[in-house]
Amino acid sequence: MPYYHRAGAVPPKRHTQHRDPDGNLYYEELMGEEGFSSDSSLLYHRHIPSAVREFRVWELGDQSLLPNHPLLPRHLSTHKLFAEGASGVDAVTGRRLLLGNEDVRLAYVVADAASPYYRNAIGDECLYIEAGRARVETVFGDLEAGDGDYVVIPRATTYRIVPDGDVRIYVIEANSHLGPAQRYLSKHGQLLEHAPYCERDFRLPDAPRTVEDENVDVYIKHRGPGGVAGTVHTVPNHPFDVVGWDGCLYPYILSIRDFEPITGRVHQPPPAHQVFEGRNFVVCNFVPRKVDYHPLSVPVPYYHSNVDSDEVMFYCGGDYEARKGSGIGQGSISLHPGGHPHGPQPGAMERSIGAEFFDELAVMVDTFRPLQLGEAALATDDGSYVHSWEPKR
């Protein structure tokens, strides 16, 4: 994150003695990115954070990926993955892998049970709450998340997700760090005037709380055989033992409803909708907005070839004008791979002329390396989307 925050009890000077009321030293942990060269925070623990009592392998769900071959645009239906509801599923171990490459993995889950304590040691995570509510408990403090919230969690943050009823989550797992687009930031990290959101829109964790417990399992996703592996560490004391922390690295929430759309007289390209970026991918969102107001404008997107990227659109609200007639609806995902020109469905251009407002909500991920298909994509691909641009006969 681009700005400093402080919560709980920290000493006046970093790397100096910090003691509890009985005179015992707290254990200072630096959580930092890029080898002491980027953002970091200092956390003060009651117990040694390195202690591990037992360990075992965590057998992840199916993480295999298959090439998108033959090359096809695809329509996936996430709501079919949990058609019978959550029924004891948690938001960590219950994730179903949709798409992935060397830079990012996209998954979906419907959960109603508290997850185990969890840590992603591969990259940052961005959880988009499609529907429902959940408390995201972290070593930094808790976050209350609901419909339309992006929850951004830095790599190696210990957390768990506690749903309030069923919660639907679209998961973006980076193999890098993820944050606001660099072009939105000043050289010192402040969000600039042309950015579609600002620091006031972020919701930060409340004060950290210490939990007294022993022999707690922490599930860790990390690099290993096949690219992704899992390990469970049983730690002697609860990982939520932080009495205070400060710095520029922490989880936070940004609501999609606080994104102020950038519009113009003619159609604006996808970068106008960007919200986050990671290494070799970007995250954009399309929100309800006034559309193009040139007297001869065509408000839906023009046909375009993503020469250097694959485009993934998750449709999560409203009525997406450009895709009418394709079978796409709430919870759908479209994959438009590089090498295939795509755009509005037949008739959408003419229908959009004269429109003044689009009531649509979608999360887009553009990747700069080809995406492959996970087991959840193979299970829900409708098999007919490629034909949806054919003229009616």
Protein backbone atom coordinates (compact mmCIF):
# COMPACT_ATOMS: atom_id res chain seq x y z
CA MET A 1 0.00 0.00 0.00
CA PRO A 2 1.23 3.53 -0.70
CA TYR A 3 0.71 4.98 2.76
CA TYR A 4 1.70 4.37 6.35
CA HIS A 5 -0.63 2.97 9.00
CA ARG A 6 -0.21 2.10 12.67
CA ALA A 7 -2.39 -0.09 14.90
CA GLY A 8 -2.04 -1.32 18.47
CA ALA A 9 1.05 -0.92 20.64
CA VAL A 10 4.42 -0.29 18.96
CA PRO A 11 7.60 1.20 20.48
CA PRO A 12 8.68 4.77 19.66
CA LYS A 13 11.71 3.54 17.71
CA ARG A 14 11.85 0.51 15.45
CA HIS A 15 14.15 -2.42 16.31
CA THR A 16 14.25 -1.40 19.97
CA GLN A 17 12.97 -3.10 23.12
CA HIS A 18 9.21 -3.48 23.38
CA ARG A 19 8.00 -5.25 26.53
CA ASP A 20 4.72 -6.49 27.95
CA PRO A 21 3.42 -5.35 31.37
CA ASP A 22 5.41 -8.17 33.02
CA GLY A 23 8.66 -7.05 31.41
CA ASN A 24 8.86 -9.78 28.75
CA LEU A 25 10.11 -8.79 25.31
CA TYR A 26 7.72 -8.93 22.39
CA TYR A 27 9.09 -10.57 19.23
CA GLU A 28 9.48 -8.13 16.35
CA GLU A 29 8.82 -9.50 12.84
CA LEU A 30 9.59 -7.55 9.67
CA MET A 31 7.17 -8.54 6.91
CA GLY A 32 8.66 -7.00 3.79
CA GLU A 33 8.63 -7.28 0.03
CA GLU A 34 11.48 -7.53 -2.46
CA GLY A 35 14.25 -8.29 0.01
CA PHE A 36 14.11 -5.18 2.22
CA SER A 37 13.76 -2.97 -0.90
CA SER A 38 10.02 -2.30 -0.97
CA ASP A 39 7.00 -1.90 1.33
CA SER A 40 7.07 -3.54 4.74
CA SER A 41 5.44 -3.61 8.14
CA LEU A 42 6.74 -4.45 11.60
CA LEU A 43 4.59 -6.75 13.73
CA TYR A 44 5.10 -7.36 17.46
CA HIS A 45 4.27 -10.91 18.60
CA ARG A 46 3.76 -12.34 22.06
CA HIS A 47 5.38 -15.59 20.93
CA ILE A 48 8.17 -16.54 18.51
CA PRO A 49 6.53 -16.48 15.04
CA SER A 50 8.97 -19.07 13.63
CA ALA A 51 8.00 -21.90 15.97
CA VAL A 52 6.64 -25.07 14.32
CA ARG A 53 5.62 -28.10 16.39
CA GLU A 54 4.48 -30.50 13.66
CA PHE A 55 4.11 -30.52 9.88
CA ARG A 56 2.43 -32.53 7.16
CA VAL A 57 1.56 -32.35 3.48
CA TRP A 58 -1.62 -30.51 2.50
CA GLU A 59 -3.09 -32.29 -0.50
CA LEU A 60 -4.47 -29.45 -2.61
CA GLY A 61 -7.44 -29.92 -4.89
CA ASP A 62 -6.84 -30.52 -8.58
CA GLN A 63 -4.32 -27.87 -9.67
CA SER A 64 -3.68 -29.28 -13.14
CA LEU A 65 -3.89 -27.00 -16.17
CA LEU A 66 -4.45 -27.91 -19.81
CA PRO A 67 -3.71 -25.72 -22.84
CA ASN A 68 -6.63 -23.91 -24.48
CA HIS A 69 -6.22 -26.06 -27.57
CA PRO A 70 -7.75 -25.88 -30.06
CA LEU A 71 -7.73 -22.12 -29.48
CA LEU A 72 -11.29 -21.10 -28.58
CA PRO A 73 -13.17 -18.31 -26.82
CA ARG A 74 -15.01 -19.94 -23.95
CA HIS A 75 -17.99 -19.36 -21.69
CA LEU A 76 -17.76 -20.80 -18.16
CA SER A 77 -20.63 -20.88 -15.67
CA THR A 78 -19.29 -20.55 -12.12
CA HIS A 79 -22.72 -20.93 -10.53
CA LYS A 80 -22.87 -24.51 -11.79
CA LEU A 81 -19.82 -25.41 -9.67
CA PHE A 82 -21.76 -25.24 -6.40
CA ALA A 83 -25.26 -25.81 -7.67
CA GLU A 84 -26.25 -27.62 -4.46
CA GLY A 85 -24.99 -24.78 -2.24
CA ALA A 86 -21.98 -24.60 0.06
CA SER A 87 -22.82 -27.32 2.63
CA GLY A 88 -19.70 -27.24 4.80
CA VAL A 89 -17.34 -25.82 2.14
CA ASP A 90 -14.73 -23.31 3.28
CA ALA A 91 -13.23 -20.48 1.19
CA VAL A 92 -9.65 -21.84 1.22
CA THR A 93 -9.75 -25.61 0.74
CA GLY A 94 -12.98 -25.45 -1.32
CA ARG A 95 -11.61 -23.33 -4.16
CA ARG A 96 -12.12 -24.69 -7.69
CA LEU A 97 -9.43 -23.75 -10.21
CA LEU A 98 -10.78 -22.11 -13.36
CA LEU A 99 -7.82 -20.72 -15.28
CA GLY A 100 -4.14 -20.14 -14.70
CA ASN A 101 -0.65 -19.52 -16.02
CA GLU A 102 2.79 -18.76 -14.61
CA ASP A 103 1.59 -15.39 -13.26
CA VAL A 104 -1.93 -15.80 -11.90
CA ARG A 105 -4.55 -18.41 -11.00
CA LEU A 106 -8.29 -17.72 -11.03
CA ALA A 107 -10.61 -19.76 -8.83
CA TYR A 108 -14.18 -19.72 -7.52
CA VAL A 109 -15.79 -20.89 -4.31
CA VAL A 110 -19.11 -20.79 -2.49
CA ALA A 111 -18.48 -21.18 1.23
CA ASP A 112 -20.51 -21.33 4.41
CA ALA A 113 -17.91 -22.73 6.85
CA ALA A 114 -14.96 -21.04 8.53
CA SER A 115 -11.73 -21.72 6.67
CA PRO A 116 -8.57 -23.00 8.32
CA TYR A 117 -5.86 -20.47 9.09
CA TYR A 118 -4.10 -19.96 5.81
CA ARG A 119 -1.06 -18.32 4.26
CA ASN A 120 -0.28 -17.94 0.55
CA ALA A 121 3.52 -17.95 0.21
CA ILE A 122 3.43 -17.67 -3.59
CA GLY A 123 1.88 -14.24 -4.10
CA ASP A 124 -0.74 -11.69 -3.11
CA GLU A 125 -4.41 -12.63 -3.21
CA CYS A 126 -7.39 -10.55 -4.30
CA LEU A 127 -10.76 -11.88 -3.18
CA TYR A 128 -13.77 -10.41 -4.96
CA ILE A 129 -16.97 -10.93 -2.96
CA GLU A 130 -19.66 -11.60 -5.54
CA ALA A 131 -22.41 -12.12 -2.97
CA GLY A 132 -22.78 -12.57 0.77
CA ARG A 133 -20.77 -11.40 3.73
CA ALA A 134 -17.71 -12.67 5.56
CA ARG A 135 -15.26 -11.62 8.25
CA VAL A 136 -11.68 -11.87 7.03
CA GLU A 137 -9.59 -12.39 10.16
CA THR A 138 -5.89 -11.60 9.70
CA VAL A 139 -2.75 -11.31 11.77
CA PHE A 140 -3.08 -7.53 11.23
CA GLY A 141 -6.70 -7.37 12.42
CA ASP A 142 -10.14 -8.12 11.02
CA LEU A 143 -11.90 -6.88 7.87
CA GLU A 144 -15.66 -7.02 7.32
CA ALA A 145 -16.35 -7.77 3.66
CA GLY A 146 -19.56 -7.86 1.63
CA ASP A 147 -21.00 -7.69 -1.88
CA GLY A 148 -18.72 -5.90 -4.31
CA ASP A 149 -15.65 -5.75 -2.06
CA TYR A 150 -12.13 -6.47 -3.24
CA VAL A 151 -10.10 -7.86 -0.33
CA VAL A 152 -6.37 -7.55 -1.10
CA ILE A 153 -4.14 -9.74 1.07
CA PRO A 154 -0.34 -9.49 0.87
CA ARG A 155 1.76 -12.60 0.33
CA ALA A 156 2.49 -14.61 3.50
CA THR A 157 -0.27 -12.94 5.54
CA THR A 158 -1.89 -15.46 7.89
CA TYR A 159 -5.67 -15.19 7.68
CA ARG A 160 -8.94 -17.07 7.63
CA ILE A 161 -12.40 -16.40 6.18
CA VAL A 162 -15.50 -16.72 8.38
CA PRO A 163 -18.69 -16.50 6.26
CA ASP A 164 -21.99 -15.12 7.50
CA GLY A 165 -24.16 -17.62 5.64
CA ASP A 166 -23.23 -18.47 2.06
CA VAL A 167 -20.59 -16.25 0.46
CA ARG A 168 -19.55 -16.35 -3.21
CA ILE A 169 -15.92 -15.44 -3.89
CA TYR A 170 -14.00 -14.98 -7.12
CA VAL A 171 -10.33 -15.55 -6.23
CA ILE A 172 -7.35 -13.97 -7.99
CA GLU A 173 -4.12 -15.60 -6.79
CA ALA A 174 -1.05 -13.77 -8.05
CA ASN A 175 2.44 -15.18 -8.37
CA SER A 176 3.67 -11.68 -7.52
CA HIS A 177 2.51 -8.62 -5.62
CA LEU A 178 -0.65 -6.77 -6.56
CA GLY A 179 -1.61 -3.14 -6.03
CA PRO A 180 -2.91 0.06 -7.62
CA ALA A 181 -1.81 0.75 -11.19
CA GLN A 182 1.52 2.57 -11.20
CA ARG A 183 0.17 5.31 -13.45
CA TYR A 184 -2.28 6.26 -10.68
CA LEU A 185 0.53 6.86 -8.17
CA SER A 186 2.91 9.75 -7.57
CA LYS A 187 6.63 9.00 -7.34
CA HIS A 188 6.11 8.87 -3.56
CA GLY A 189 3.10 6.51 -3.76
CA GLN A 190 0.13 8.86 -3.32
CA LEU A 191 -2.91 8.23 -5.48
CA LEU A 192 -3.12 11.06 -8.00
CA GLU A 193 -6.07 13.22 -9.03
CA HIS A 194 -6.75 11.25 -12.21
CA ALA A 195 -7.00 7.93 -10.29
CA PRO A 196 -10.57 6.51 -10.18
CA TYR A 197 -10.30 5.99 -6.39
CA CYS A 198 -8.25 7.41 -3.53
CA GLU A 199 -6.95 6.53 -0.07
CA ARG A 200 -10.25 7.55 1.54
CA ASP A 201 -11.89 4.61 -0.21
CA PHE A 202 -9.69 1.96 1.45
CA ARG A 203 -10.93 0.10 4.52
CA LEU A 204 -8.12 -1.11 6.75
CA PRO A 205 -8.01 -3.79 9.46
CA ASP A 206 -9.24 -2.87 12.91
CA ALA A 207 -6.84 -3.18 15.84
CA PRO A 208 -5.13 -6.59 16.07
CA ARG A 209 -6.51 -8.97 18.64
CA THR A 210 -4.55 -11.63 20.47
CA VAL A 211 -6.01 -15.13 20.67
CA GLU A 212 -4.96 -17.60 23.34
CA ASP A 213 -4.74 -21.08 21.88
CA GLU A 214 -2.21 -23.86 21.34
CA ASN A 215 -1.39 -26.35 18.57
CA VAL A 216 -3.05 -24.43 15.75
CA ASP A 217 -2.87 -25.64 12.13
CA VAL A 218 -1.78 -23.12 9.49
CA TYR A 219 -2.31 -24.19 5.87
CA ILE A 220 0.41 -22.87 3.55
CA LYS A 221 0.28 -22.72 -0.24
CA HIS A 222 3.80 -22.53 -1.67
CA ARG A 223 5.94 -23.33 -4.66
CA GLY A 224 6.70 -27.00 -5.07
CA PRO A 225 6.34 -30.00 -7.36
CA GLY A 226 4.17 -29.08 -10.32
CA GLY A 227 4.38 -25.39 -9.46
CA VAL A 228 1.98 -25.29 -6.49
CA ALA A 229 2.13 -27.37 -3.31
CA GLY A 230 0.65 -27.36 0.18
CA THR A 231 1.99 -27.86 3.69
CA VAL A 232 0.32 -27.67 7.09
CA HIS A 233 2.34 -26.33 10.02
CA THR A 234 1.05 -26.97 13.51
CA VAL A 235 2.28 -24.02 15.55
CA PRO A 236 2.54 -24.13 19.34
CA ASN A 237 0.73 -20.80 19.86
CA HIS A 238 -2.05 -19.08 17.98
CA PRO A 239 -0.72 -17.06 14.99
CA PHE A 240 -2.95 -14.15 16.02
CA ASP A 241 -0.72 -12.97 18.86
CA VAL A 242 0.21 -9.53 17.52
CA VAL A 243 -0.13 -6.63 19.98
CA GLY A 244 0.69 -3.92 17.42
CA TRP A 245 2.10 -3.22 13.99
CA ASP A 246 2.99 -0.35 11.70
CA GLY A 247 4.13 0.17 8.13
CA CYS A 248 2.92 0.25 4.53
CA LEU A 249 2.15 -3.43 3.99
CA TYR A 250 -1.21 -4.80 5.14
CA PRO A 251 -4.50 -6.21 3.86
CA TYR A 252 -7.24 -3.80 2.85
CA ILE A 253 -10.64 -3.56 1.17
CA LEU A 254 -11.71 -1.48 -1.81
CA SER A 255 -15.36 -1.62 -2.83
CA ILE A 256 -16.11 -1.79 -6.53
CA ARG A 257 -18.82 0.79 -5.77
CA ASP A 258 -16.14 3.31 -4.81
CA PHE A 259 -14.54 3.09 -8.26
CA GLU A 260 -15.36 6.27 -10.18
CA PRO A 261 -15.71 5.38 -13.89
CA ILE A 262 -13.81 7.33 -16.52
CA THR A 263 -16.06 8.14 -19.46
CA GLY A 264 -15.80 10.14 -22.68
CA ARG A 265 -17.51 11.29 -25.87
CA VAL A 266 -16.41 8.07 -27.59
CA HIS A 267 -15.79 4.58 -26.26
CA GLN A 268 -13.00 4.38 -23.68
CA PRO A 269 -10.51 1.47 -23.93
CA PRO A 270 -10.21 -1.14 -21.15
CA PRO A 271 -7.24 0.57 -19.39
CA ALA A 272 -9.71 3.30 -18.37
CA HIS A 273 -11.34 0.66 -16.15
CA GLN A 274 -8.15 -0.60 -14.48
CA VAL A 275 -8.15 -1.01 -10.71
CA PHE A 276 -5.06 -3.18 -9.86
CA GLU A 277 -2.00 -4.65 -11.50
CA GLY A 278 0.34 -7.56 -10.83
CA ARG A 279 3.27 -8.96 -12.75
CA ASN A 280 2.10 -9.73 -16.29
CA PHE A 281 -1.59 -9.15 -15.55
CA VAL A 282 -4.04 -6.38 -14.73
CA VAL A 283 -7.43 -6.24 -13.00
CA CYS A 284 -10.15 -3.95 -14.35
CA ASN A 285 -13.77 -3.45 -13.39
CA PHE A 286 -16.76 -2.29 -15.39
CA VAL A 287 -19.29 -0.45 -13.25
CA PRO A 288 -22.62 1.30 -13.84
CA ARG A 289 -21.78 4.47 -15.74
CA LYS A 290 -22.82 7.13 -18.22
CA VAL A 291 -21.73 6.01 -21.66
CA ASP A 292 -20.36 7.73 -24.74
CA TYR A 293 -22.04 11.03 -25.60
CA HIS A 294 -20.70 11.88 -29.05
CA PRO A 295 -23.81 12.26 -31.29
CA LEU A 296 -22.58 9.40 -33.51
CA SER A 297 -21.09 7.22 -30.79
CA VAL A 298 -21.46 3.42 -30.63
CA PRO A 299 -21.45 2.77 -26.84
CA VAL A 300 -20.59 -0.95 -26.85
CA PRO A 301 -16.95 -1.96 -27.40
CA TYR A 302 -15.50 -2.12 -30.88
CA TYR A 303 -14.10 -5.46 -32.08
CA HIS A 304 -10.55 -5.89 -30.90
CA SER A 305 -7.71 -8.38 -31.07
CA ASN A 306 -5.79 -8.83 -27.84
CA VAL A 307 -2.52 -9.42 -29.63
CA ASP A 308 -0.48 -9.73 -26.42
CA SER A 309 -3.04 -10.87 -23.86
CA ASP A 310 -5.87 -13.17 -22.86
CA GLU A 311 -9.00 -11.45 -21.51
CA VAL A 312 -11.17 -12.94 -18.76
CA MET A 313 -14.44 -11.26 -17.84
CA PHE A 314 -16.43 -12.25 -14.73
CA TYR A 315 -20.01 -11.00 -14.99
CA CYS A 316 -21.31 -10.23 -11.52
CA GLY A 317 -24.10 -7.67 -11.74
CA GLY A 318 -26.45 -5.69 -13.94
CA ASP A 319 -27.02 -6.40 -17.61
CA TYR A 320 -23.96 -6.59 -19.85
CA GLU A 321 -25.15 -5.04 -23.12
CA ALA A 322 -22.37 -6.28 -25.41
CA ARG A 323 -22.91 -9.96 -24.55
CA LYS A 324 -26.69 -10.16 -25.05
CA GLY A 325 -27.63 -13.23 -27.03
CA SER A 326 -24.52 -15.22 -26.08
CA GLY A 327 -25.97 -17.09 -23.10
CA ILE A 328 -23.80 -15.15 -20.66
CA GLY A 329 -25.47 -14.18 -17.38
CA GLN A 330 -24.75 -13.67 -13.70
CA GLY A 331 -21.74 -15.69 -12.59
CA SER A 332 -20.55 -16.30 -16.15
CA ILE A 333 -16.91 -16.02 -17.19
CA SER A 334 -15.84 -15.33 -20.75
CA LEU A 335 -12.34 -16.18 -21.93
CA HIS A 336 -11.20 -14.33 -25.04
CA PRO A 337 -7.73 -15.61 -25.89
CA GLY A 338 -5.01 -13.73 -27.72
CA GLY A 339 -5.19 -14.50 -31.42
CA HIS A 340 -9.00 -14.33 -31.61
CA PRO A 341 -10.66 -10.97 -32.46
CA HIS A 342 -13.71 -10.46 -30.28
CA GLY A 343 -16.34 -7.87 -29.54
CA PRO A 344 -20.10 -7.40 -29.15
CA GLN A 345 -22.56 -10.09 -30.12
CA PRO A 346 -24.56 -9.66 -33.34
CA GLY A 347 -27.07 -6.84 -33.05
CA ALA A 348 -25.53 -5.32 -29.91
CA MET A 349 -23.91 -2.40 -31.76
CA GLU A 350 -27.16 -1.22 -33.31
CA ARG A 351 -29.14 -1.74 -30.09
CA SER A 352 -26.66 0.33 -28.07
CA ILE A 353 -26.95 3.46 -30.22
CA GLY A 354 -28.68 6.19 -28.25
CA ALA A 355 -28.03 4.55 -24.86
CA GLU A 356 -27.00 7.00 -22.14
CA PHE A 357 -26.27 4.62 -19.26
CA PHE A 358 -25.07 1.03 -18.84
CA ASP A 359 -26.08 -0.81 -15.68
CA GLU A 360 -23.39 -3.50 -15.64
CA LEU A 361 -20.90 -4.93 -13.18
CA ALA A 362 -17.95 -7.09 -14.22
CA VAL A 363 -14.41 -7.90 -13.10
CA MET A 364 -11.85 -8.34 -15.86
CA VAL A 365 -8.41 -9.91 -15.69
CA ASP A 366 -6.08 -9.43 -18.66
CA THR A 367 -2.99 -11.62 -18.71
CA PHE A 368 0.11 -11.21 -20.85
CA ARG A 369 0.81 -14.93 -21.07
CA PRO A 370 -1.71 -17.49 -22.34
CA LEU A 371 -4.14 -18.90 -19.83
CA GLN A 372 -4.70 -22.61 -19.46
CA LEU A 373 -7.85 -24.42 -18.36
CA GLY A 374 -8.35 -25.77 -14.85
CA GLU A 375 -10.71 -28.54 -13.81
CA ALA A 376 -13.52 -26.06 -13.03
CA ALA A 377 -13.29 -24.58 -16.53
CA LEU A 378 -13.47 -28.01 -18.11
CA ALA A 379 -16.49 -28.83 -15.96
CA THR A 380 -18.50 -25.72 -16.91
CA ASP A 381 -17.49 -24.76 -20.46
CA ASP A 382 -20.72 -24.49 -22.46
CA GLY A 383 -18.99 -25.67 -25.64
CA SER A 384 -20.97 -23.33 -27.91
CA TYR A 385 -19.76 -19.80 -27.15
CA VAL A 386 -17.38 -19.86 -30.12
CA HIS A 387 -20.43 -19.92 -32.44
CA SER A 388 -22.23 -16.98 -30.78
CA TRP A 389 -20.99 -14.40 -33.34
CA GLU A 390 -22.32 -16.31 -36.34
CA PRO A 391 -25.07 -14.50 -38.26
CA LYS A 392 -28.56 -15.85 -37.70
CA ARG A 393 -29.73 -18.02 -40.57
